[in-house]
Amino acid sequence: MDIDWENLGFKFRPTRSNIRFHYADGKWDDGKLSNSYEITISIAANALHYGQAIFEGGKAFRCKDGKIRIFRPEANGERMNSSARHLLMPEFPVEKFVEAVRTVVRDNEDYVPPYGTGGALYIRPVMFGTTPQIGVGASLEYELIIMVVPVGAYYKGGIKPVDAMISRDYDRAAPHGTGHIKAAGNYAASLISSKQAKDHHCPVALFLDPATHTYIDEFGTSNFLAITRDGKYVTSLSDSILPSITNNSLMTIAADLGMTVERRKIKATELADFAEVAACGTAVVLTPVGRIFDGDTVYDYHLTEIGPVLKRLYDEMTGIQHGERPDRHGWLVEA
């Protein structure tokens, strides 16, 4: 194994193993580690035709004391079950999920980037229906695979503000649809908007609520948050966005730091009133947004680097994850 830890980037690479579970006859099996990165399923598998596929994203870190710890795996297990319920897929016991994550992380401990590199072991569980069928309906059998990948910073060159573009032509999710769960199809639906944004030199697309196109929903792969001029933490309240574990953690940290936290509907016109704006998610933690383009309107936050409040939140979050700051809420699980 020859890994350039300082220049990992954020991309797939095989590791020693993944862990796999099979669901049939109404129950999950005990699972097993596999060194294969291939799967064999029927060409009529439910996931390929009717989209019964969900996934999660988490991280494990090599901490300052040398131990490997996983960040909030039980929250990933609970959110995966929320997704499963909505798509009529079988739930997976959260305790079993956490132990499975610990097992696969331990088996790949030499792929966890060293402390101080800023890297992590990314954890990607994916569940999908495998029953061959040509009629619409829930699958009878499922696979759950948890793979791990060593990753560096999502954006190379450090944390720098990126530009975003509001998607006016497309929606990420339908009203009362699947926007609140981590369904694979949500991300396929966002690809065209992401391409459109990138064609306009904006790395990320920002979606509005699908019912009225009046309120801010979220970015294509991340929740939206903003810091007001008087120092409040504001994030979107919507039935069509994913409940981000990272955003939830940042809100808790903000409250710990004495900030007022507001989860509410945010009108798109409020973008002009914010001091700092960011996208937040597992891969990035926080990505500051320098400008937001909405047709001929440009909201410019005049930032050349991450803003002071976002920097404080980012440092506190990553400090907890790497064992540099107290874990007051018991978020870290030792592998």
Foldseek 3Di string as FASTA:
>chain_A
DDDPLLPFADDDDAFQWKWKWKDAPHDIDLIDIDRDPDDDFDPQFCCVPPQQKFKFKWWWAQFPVRFIWTFQQLVRLVQQQVLCVVSVHDRDDSVSRVVSVQVQCVVRVVLARDPPSQKTKMKMKMKGTRARDDDDDDHRMMMIMIGIGIHHANDPPDFWAFEEEEDPPFALAAVVGSLAGRGPSSLVRCVVVCVVGVVVVGNWYWYAHRPPSFWTAAISAFFKWFAFPVGAIEGEDDPRHYPAPLVVVLQVVCVVVVHHYYHYTHTPVCLLGTLWMWTAHNNHSTHTHQWYHYPPDIRGNPDGGHDDVVVVSVCVVVCVSNVNDDPPPPRIDTD
